[in-house]
């Protein structure tokens, strides 16, 4: 299945802003995070098709997965 992956903030460093990938059916965001070697401890928000999601929610053909890091500031 093809999904679009969008990365934000520090997750883009050395990677990409947006990319379409062909993944096995039943792939979950947790597997994408691991494949991209993103530190889970820095993961702030997971969106599937612009809706809040969990790392273990299933992805489907044509979905857009957005991964946003925790924000710092004060």
PDB file of N, CA and C in Angstrom:
ATOM      1  N   UNK A   1       0.850  -1.182   0.000  1.00  0.00           N
ATOM      2  CA  UNK A   1       0.000   0.000   0.000  1.00  0.00           C
ATOM      3  C   UNK A   1       0.890   1.238   0.000  1.00  0.00           C
ATOM      4  N   UNK A   2       0.419   2.280  -0.637  1.00  0.00           N
ATOM      5  CA  UNK A   2       1.164   3.533  -0.686  1.00  0.00           C
ATOM      6  C   UNK A   2       0.607   4.505   0.352  1.00  0.00           C
ATOM      7  N   UNK A   3       1.512   5.083   1.144  1.00  0.00           N
ATOM      8  CA  UNK A   3       1.126   6.128   2.082  1.00  0.00           C
ATOM      9  C   UNK A   3       2.088   7.303   1.916  1.00  0.00           C
ATOM     10  N   UNK A   4       1.605   8.475   2.278  1.00  0.00           N
ATOM     11  CA  UNK A   4       2.433   9.676   2.266  1.00  0.00           C
ATOM     12  C   UNK A   4       2.893   9.929   3.693  1.00  0.00           C
ATOM     13  N   UNK A   5       4.186  10.150   3.860  1.00  0.00           N
ATOM     14  CA  UNK A   5       4.748  10.434   5.177  1.00  0.00           C
ATOM     15  C   UNK A   5       5.227  11.879   5.169  1.00  0.00           C
ATOM     16  N   UNK A   6       4.783  12.632   6.165  1.00  0.00           N
ATOM     17  CA  UNK A   6       5.207  14.024   6.326  1.00  0.00           C
ATOM     18  C   UNK A   6       5.950  14.144   7.657  1.00  0.00           C
ATOM     19  N   UNK A   7       7.125  14.734   7.606  1.00  0.00           N
ATOM     20  CA  UNK A   7       7.920  14.947   8.810  1.00  0.00           C
ATOM     21  C   UNK A   7       7.990  16.438   9.109  1.00  0.00           C
ATOM     22  N   UNK A   8       8.053  16.758  10.395  1.00  0.00           N
ATOM     23  CA  UNK A   8       8.103  18.148  10.829  1.00  0.00           C
ATOM     24  C   UNK A   8       9.262  18.362  11.787  1.00  0.00           C
ATOM     25  N   UNK A   9       9.685  19.625  11.884  1.00  0.00           N
ATOM     26  CA  UNK A   9      10.715  20.015  12.846  1.00  0.00           C
ATOM     27  C   UNK A   9      12.012  19.245  12.705  1.00  0.00           C
ATOM     28  N   UNK A  10      12.566  18.856  13.847  1.00  0.00           N
ATOM     29  CA  UNK A  10      13.866  18.177  13.865  1.00  0.00           C
ATOM     30  C   UNK A  10      13.833  16.826  13.150  1.00  0.00           C
ATOM     31  N   UNK A  11      12.659  16.256  12.960  1.00  0.00           N
ATOM     32  CA  UNK A  11      12.575  14.967  12.263  1.00  0.00           C
ATOM     33  C   UNK A  11      12.998  15.085  10.797  1.00  0.00           C
ATOM     34  N   UNK A  12      12.988  16.296  10.243  1.00  0.00           N
ATOM     35  CA  UNK A  12      13.387  16.498   8.848  1.00  0.00           C
ATOM     36  C   UNK A  12      14.905  16.509   8.664  1.00  0.00           C
ATOM     37  N   UNK A  13      15.648  16.752   9.720  1.00  0.00           N
ATOM     38  CA  UNK A  13      17.103  16.878   9.608  1.00  0.00           C
ATOM     39  C   UNK A  13      17.685  15.570   9.078  1.00  0.00           C
ATOM     40  N   UNK A  14      18.293  15.653   7.914  1.00  0.00           N
ATOM     41  CA  UNK A  14      18.902  14.483   7.293  1.00  0.00           C
ATOM     42  C   UNK A  14      17.906  13.516   6.671  1.00  0.00           C
ATOM     43  N   UNK A  15      16.631  13.922   6.618  1.00  0.00           N
ATOM     44  CA  UNK A  15      15.606  13.046   6.065  1.00  0.00           C
ATOM     45  C   UNK A  15      14.890  13.761   4.922  1.00  0.00           C
ATOM     46  N   UNK A  16      13.620  13.953   5.051  1.00  0.00           N
ATOM     47  CA  UNK A  16      12.800  14.556   3.997  1.00  0.00           C
ATOM     48  C   UNK A  16      11.642  15.306   4.634  1.00  0.00           C
ATOM     49  N   UNK A  17      10.973  16.119   3.836  1.00  0.00           N
ATOM     50  CA  UNK A  17       9.781  16.837   4.292  1.00  0.00           C
ATOM     51  C   UNK A  17       8.538  15.984   4.047  1.00  0.00           C
ATOM     52  N   UNK A  18       8.451  15.428   2.825  1.00  0.00           N
ATOM     53  CA  UNK A  18       7.303  14.594   2.464  1.00  0.00           C
ATOM     54  C   UNK A  18       7.771  13.538   1.475  1.00  0.00           C
ATOM     55  N   UNK A  19       7.272  12.319   1.659  1.00  0.00           N
ATOM     56  CA  UNK A  19       7.674  11.220   0.791  1.00  0.00           C
ATOM     57  C   UNK A  19       6.550  10.193   0.711  1.00  0.00           C
ATOM     58  N   UNK A  20       6.358   9.627  -0.462  1.00  0.00           N
ATOM     59  CA  UNK A  20       5.393   8.536  -0.627  1.00  0.00           C
ATOM     60  C   UNK A  20       6.171   7.232  -0.554  1.00  0.00           C
ATOM     61  N   UNK A  21       5.692   6.318   0.280  1.00  0.00           N
ATOM     62  CA  UNK A  21       6.357   5.023   0.435  1.00  0.00           C
ATOM     63  C   UNK A  21       5.369   3.899   0.208  1.00  0.00           C
ATOM     64  N   UNK A  22       5.885   2.806  -0.310  1.00  0.00           N
ATOM     65  CA  UNK A  22       5.099   1.591  -0.507  1.00  0.00           C
ATOM     66  C   UNK A  22       5.383   0.686   0.687  1.00  0.00           C
ATOM     67  N   UNK A  23       4.379   0.454   1.513  1.00  0.00           N
ATOM     68  CA  UNK A  23       4.538  -0.324   2.745  1.00  0.00           C
ATOM     69  C   UNK A  23       3.629  -1.537   2.725  1.00  0.00           C
ATOM     70  N   UNK A  24       3.977  -2.575   3.483  1.00  0.00           N
ATOM     71  CA  UNK A  24       3.118  -3.757   3.556  1.00  0.00           C
ATOM     72  C   UNK A  24       1.765  -3.426   4.195  1.00  0.00           C
ATOM     73  N   UNK A  25       0.731  -4.117   3.771  1.00  0.00           N
ATOM     74  CA  UNK A  25      -0.596  -3.952   4.373  1.00  0.00           C
ATOM     75  C   UNK A  25      -0.494  -4.215   5.874  1.00  0.00           C
ATOM     76  N   UNK A  26      -1.223  -3.426   6.642  1.00  0.00           N
ATOM     77  CA  UNK A  26      -1.228  -3.609   8.095  1.00  0.00           C
ATOM     78  C   UNK A  26      -0.122  -2.862   8.823  1.00  0.00           C
ATOM     79  N   UNK A  27       0.697  -2.105   8.088  1.00  0.00           N
ATOM     80  CA  UNK A  27       1.756  -1.333   8.733  1.00  0.00           C
ATOM     81  C   UNK A  27       1.142  -0.319   9.689  1.00  0.00           C
ATOM     82  N   UNK A  28       1.805  -0.095  10.798  1.00  0.00           N
ATOM     83  CA  UNK A  28       1.358   0.868  11.799  1.00  0.00           C
ATOM     84  C   UNK A  28       2.400   1.982  11.928  1.00  0.00           C
ATOM     85  N   UNK A  29       1.996   3.141  12.392  1.00  0.00           N
ATOM     86  CA  UNK A  29       2.945   4.248  12.535  1.00  0.00           C
ATOM     87  C   UNK A  29       4.197   3.878  13.326  1.00  0.00           C
ATOM     88  N   UNK A  30       4.073   3.026  14.320  1.00  0.00           N
ATOM     89  CA  UNK A  30       5.235   2.622  15.128  1.00  0.00           C
ATOM     90  C   UNK A  30       6.335   2.025  14.238  1.00  0.00           C
ATOM     91  N   UNK A  31       5.936   1.242  13.229  1.00  0.00           N
ATOM     92  CA  UNK A  31       6.910   0.627  12.328  1.00  0.00           C
ATOM     93  C   UNK A  31       7.581   1.685  11.446  1.00  0.00           C
ATOM     94  N   UNK A  32       6.824   2.695  11.047  1.00  0.00           N
ATOM     95  CA  UNK A  32       7.396   3.776  10.238  1.00  0.00           C
ATOM     96  C   UNK A  32       8.397   4.567  11.070  1.00  0.00           C
ATOM     97  N   UNK A  33       8.043   4.875  12.308  1.00  0.00           N
ATOM     98  CA  UNK A  33       8.941   5.595  13.214  1.00  0.00           C
ATOM     99  C   UNK A  33      10.242   4.816  13.384  1.00  0.00           C
ATOM    100  N   UNK A  34      10.138   3.509  13.587  1.00  0.00           N
ATOM    101  CA  UNK A  34      11.329   2.673  13.755  1.00  0.00           C
ATOM    102  C   UNK A  34      12.163   2.639  12.474  1.00  0.00           C
ATOM    103  N   UNK A  35      11.511   2.489  11.322  1.00  0.00           N
ATOM    104  CA  UNK A  35      12.227   2.416  10.047  1.00  0.00           C
ATOM    105  C   UNK A  35      12.980   3.717   9.758  1.00  0.00           C
ATOM    106  N   UNK A  36      12.408   4.844  10.169  1.00  0.00           N
ATOM    107  CA  UNK A  36      13.049   6.142   9.955  1.00  0.00           C
ATOM    108  C   UNK A  36      14.052   6.481  11.060  1.00  0.00           C
ATOM    109  N   UNK A  37      14.158   5.609  12.049  1.00  0.00           N
ATOM    110  CA  UNK A  37      15.048   5.797  13.197  1.00  0.00           C
ATOM    111  C   UNK A  37      14.775   7.106  13.925  1.00  0.00           C
ATOM    112  N   UNK A  38      13.479   7.393  14.103  1.00  0.00           N
ATOM    113  CA  UNK A  38      13.069   8.565  14.876  1.00  0.00           C
ATOM    114  C   UNK A  38      12.978   8.155  16.341  1.00  0.00           C
ATOM    115  N   UNK A  39      13.563   8.915  17.260  1.00  0.00           N
ATOM    116  CA  UNK A  39      13.470   8.565  18.675  1.00  0.00           C
ATOM    117  C   UNK A  39      12.038   8.771  19.188  1.00  0.00           C
ATOM    118  N   UNK A  40      11.413   7.693  19.634  1.00  0.00           N
ATOM    119  CA  UNK A  40      10.024   7.774  20.129  1.00  0.00           C
ATOM    120  C   UNK A  40       9.885   8.769  21.263  1.00  0.00           C
ATOM    121  N   UNK A  41      10.941   8.952  22.060  1.00  0.00           N
ATOM    122  CA  UNK A  41      10.856   9.869  23.200  1.00  0.00           C
ATOM    123  C   UNK A  41      10.682  11.317  22.742  1.00  0.00           C
ATOM    124  N   UNK A  42      11.021  11.606  21.482  1.00  0.00           N
ATOM    125  CA  UNK A  42      10.857  12.957  20.938  1.00  0.00           C
ATOM    126  C   UNK A  42       9.546  13.132  20.171  1.00  0.00           C
ATOM    127  N   UNK A  43       8.808  12.048  20.010  1.00  0.00           N
ATOM    128  CA  UNK A  43       7.569  12.099  19.232  1.00  0.00           C
ATOM    129  C   UNK A  43       6.473  12.792  20.034  1.00  0.00           C
ATOM    130  N   UNK A  44       5.906  13.842  19.449  1.00  0.00           N
ATOM    131  CA  UNK A  44       4.870  14.604  20.137  1.00  0.00           C
ATOM    132  C   UNK A  44       3.479  14.286  19.629  1.00  0.00           C
ATOM    133  N   UNK A  45       3.281  14.353  18.312  1.00  0.00           N
ATOM    134  CA  UNK A  45       1.951  14.169  17.736  1.00  0.00           C
ATOM    135  C   UNK A  45       2.044  13.243  16.528  1.00  0.00           C
ATOM    136  N   UNK A  46       1.089  12.329  16.458  1.00  0.00           N
ATOM    137  CA  UNK A  46       0.933  11.437  15.305  1.00  0.00           C
ATOM    138  C   UNK A  46      -0.423  11.748  14.690  1.00  0.00           C
ATOM    139  N   UNK A  47      -0.430  12.053  13.397  1.00  0.00           N
ATOM    140  CA  UNK A  47      -1.683  12.327  12.690  1.00  0.00           C
ATOM    141  C   UNK A  47      -1.816  11.364  11.512  1.00  0.00           C
ATOM    142  N   UNK A  48      -2.990  10.819  11.363  1.00  0.00           N
ATOM    143  CA  UNK A  48      -3.326  10.048  10.167  1.00  0.00           C
ATOM    144  C   UNK A  48      -4.469  10.793   9.503  1.00  0.00           C
ATOM    145  N   UNK A  49      -4.239  11.256   8.282  1.00  0.00           N
ATOM    146  CA  UNK A  49      -5.234  12.043   7.538  1.00  0.00           C
ATOM    147  C   UNK A  49      -5.729  13.232   8.351  1.00  0.00           C
ATOM    148  N   UNK A  50      -4.780  13.930   9.002  1.00  0.00           N
ATOM    149  CA  UNK A  50      -5.041  15.135   9.782  1.00  0.00           C
ATOM    150  C   UNK A  50      -5.864  14.907  11.046  1.00  0.00           C
ATOM    151  N   UNK A  51      -5.979  13.657  11.494  1.00  0.00           N
ATOM    152  CA  UNK A  51      -6.677  13.334  12.750  1.00  0.00           C
ATOM    153  C   UNK A  51      -5.675  12.714  13.724  1.00  0.00           C
ATOM    154  N   UNK A  52      -5.771  13.094  14.999  1.00  0.00           N
ATOM    155  CA  UNK A  52      -4.878  12.530  16.007  1.00  0.00           C
ATOM    156  C   UNK A  52      -4.982  11.011  15.986  1.00  0.00           C
ATOM    157  N   UNK A  53      -3.827  10.362  16.108  1.00  0.00           N
ATOM    158  CA  UNK A  53      -3.775   8.906  16.047  1.00  0.00           C
ATOM    159  C   UNK A  53      -2.753   8.398  17.064  1.00  0.00           C
ATOM    160  N   UNK A  54      -2.750   7.095  17.243  1.00  0.00           N
ATOM    161  CA  UNK A  54      -1.809   6.419  18.132  1.00  0.00           C
ATOM    162  C   UNK A  54      -0.783   5.659  17.289  1.00  0.00           C
ATOM    163  N   UNK A  55       0.341   5.325  17.891  1.00  0.00           N
ATOM    164  CA  UNK A  55       1.390   4.599  17.171  1.00  0.00           C
ATOM    165  C   UNK A  55       0.957   3.223  16.696  1.00  0.00           C
ATOM    166  N   UNK A  56      -0.057   2.652  17.323  1.00  0.00           N
ATOM    167  CA  UNK A  56      -0.488   1.308  16.946  1.00  0.00           C
ATOM    168  C   UNK A  56      -1.770   1.287  16.117  1.00  0.00           C
ATOM    169  N   UNK A  57      -2.233   2.446  15.660  1.00  0.00           N
ATOM    170  CA  UNK A  57      -3.391   2.486  14.755  1.00  0.00           C
ATOM    171  C   UNK A  57      -2.955   1.995  13.372  1.00  0.00           C
ATOM    172  N   UNK A  58      -3.792   1.239  12.688  1.00  0.00           N
ATOM    173  CA  UNK A  58      -3.401   0.741  11.366  1.00  0.00           C
ATOM    174  C   UNK A  58      -3.430   1.840  10.303  1.00  0.00           C
ATOM    175  N   UNK A  59      -2.519   1.725   9.345  1.00  0.00           N
ATOM    176  CA  UNK A  59      -2.499   2.602   8.183  1.00  0.00           C
ATOM    177  C   UNK A  59      -3.180   1.892   7.024  1.00  0.00           C
ATOM    178  N   UNK A  60      -3.776   2.675   6.128  1.00  0.00           N
ATOM    179  CA  UNK A  60      -4.497   2.122   4.981  1.00  0.00           C
ATOM    180  C   UNK A  60      -4.009   2.786   3.697  1.00  0.00           C
ATOM    181  N   UNK A  61      -4.257   2.137   2.586  1.00  0.00           N
ATOM    182  CA  UNK A  61      -3.889   2.651   1.266  1.00  0.00           C
ATOM    183  C   UNK A  61      -4.308   4.108   1.125  1.00  0.00           C
ATOM    184  N   UNK A  62      -3.365   4.960   0.707  1.00  0.00           N
ATOM    185  CA  UNK A  62      -3.665   6.364   0.455  1.00  0.00           C
ATOM    186  C   UNK A  62      -3.618   7.271   1.668  1.00  0.00           C
ATOM    187  N   UNK A  63      -3.378   6.728   2.867  1.00  0.00           N
ATOM    188  CA  UNK A  63      -3.313   7.556   4.072  1.00  0.00           C
ATOM    189  C   UNK A  63      -2.128   8.507   4.027  1.00  0.00           C
ATOM    190  N   UNK A  64      -2.255   9.590   4.787  1.00  0.00           N
ATOM    191  CA  UNK A  64      -1.141  10.502   5.029  1.00  0.00           C
ATOM    192  C   UNK A  64      -0.801  10.438   6.502  1.00  0.00           C
ATOM    193  N   UNK A  65       0.440  10.100   6.800  1.00  0.00           N
ATOM    194  CA  UNK A  65       0.935  10.015   8.167  1.00  0.00           C
ATOM    195  C   UNK A  65       1.840  11.204   8.429  1.00  0.00           C
ATOM    196  N   UNK A  66       1.514  12.000   9.431  1.00  0.00           N
ATOM    197  CA  UNK A  66       2.325  13.150   9.814  1.00  0.00           C
ATOM    198  C   UNK A  66       2.917  12.880  11.201  1.00  0.00           C
ATOM    199  N   UNK A  67       4.218  13.123  11.319  1.00  0.00           N
ATOM    200  CA  UNK A  67       4.924  12.892  12.578  1.00  0.00           C
ATOM    201  C   UNK A  67       5.543  14.202  13.026  1.00  0.00           C
ATOM    202  N   UNK A  68       5.113  14.671  14.195  1.00  0.00           N
ATOM    203  CA  UNK A  68       5.587  15.949  14.726  1.00  0.00           C
ATOM    204  C   UNK A  68       6.332  15.705  16.033  1.00  0.00           C
ATOM    205  N   UNK A  69       7.469  16.374  16.215  1.00  0.00           N
ATOM    206  CA  UNK A  69       8.224  16.222  17.466  1.00  0.00           C
ATOM    207  C   UNK A  69       7.600  17.029  18.592  1.00  0.00           C
ATOM    208  N   UNK A  70       8.018  16.698  19.803  1.00  0.00           N
ATOM    209  CA  UNK A  70       7.647  17.512  20.954  1.00  0.00           C
ATOM    210  C   UNK A  70       8.187  18.910  20.732  1.00  0.00           C
ATOM    211  N   UNK A  71       7.465  19.896  21.198  1.00  0.00           N
ATOM    212  CA  UNK A  71       7.894  21.276  21.061  1.00  0.00           C
ATOM    213  C   UNK A  71       8.540  21.744  22.348  1.00  0.00           C
ATOM    214  N   UNK A  72       9.575  22.534  22.214  1.00  0.00           N
ATOM    215  CA  UNK A  72      10.230  23.126  23.376  1.00  0.00           C
ATOM    216  C   UNK A  72      10.007  24.615  23.359  1.00  0.00           C
ATOM    217  N   UNK A  73      10.090  25.193  24.486  1.00  0.00           N
ATOM    218  CA  UNK A  73       9.952  26.647  24.534  1.00  0.00           C
ATOM    219  C   UNK A  73       9.566  27.114  25.921  1.00  0.00           C
ATOM    220  N   UNK A  74       9.364  28.373  26.040  1.00  0.00           N
ATOM    221  CA  UNK A  74       9.015  28.867  27.351  1.00  0.00           C
ATOM    222  C   UNK A  74       8.508  30.268  27.291  1.00  0.00           C
TER     223      UNK A  74
END
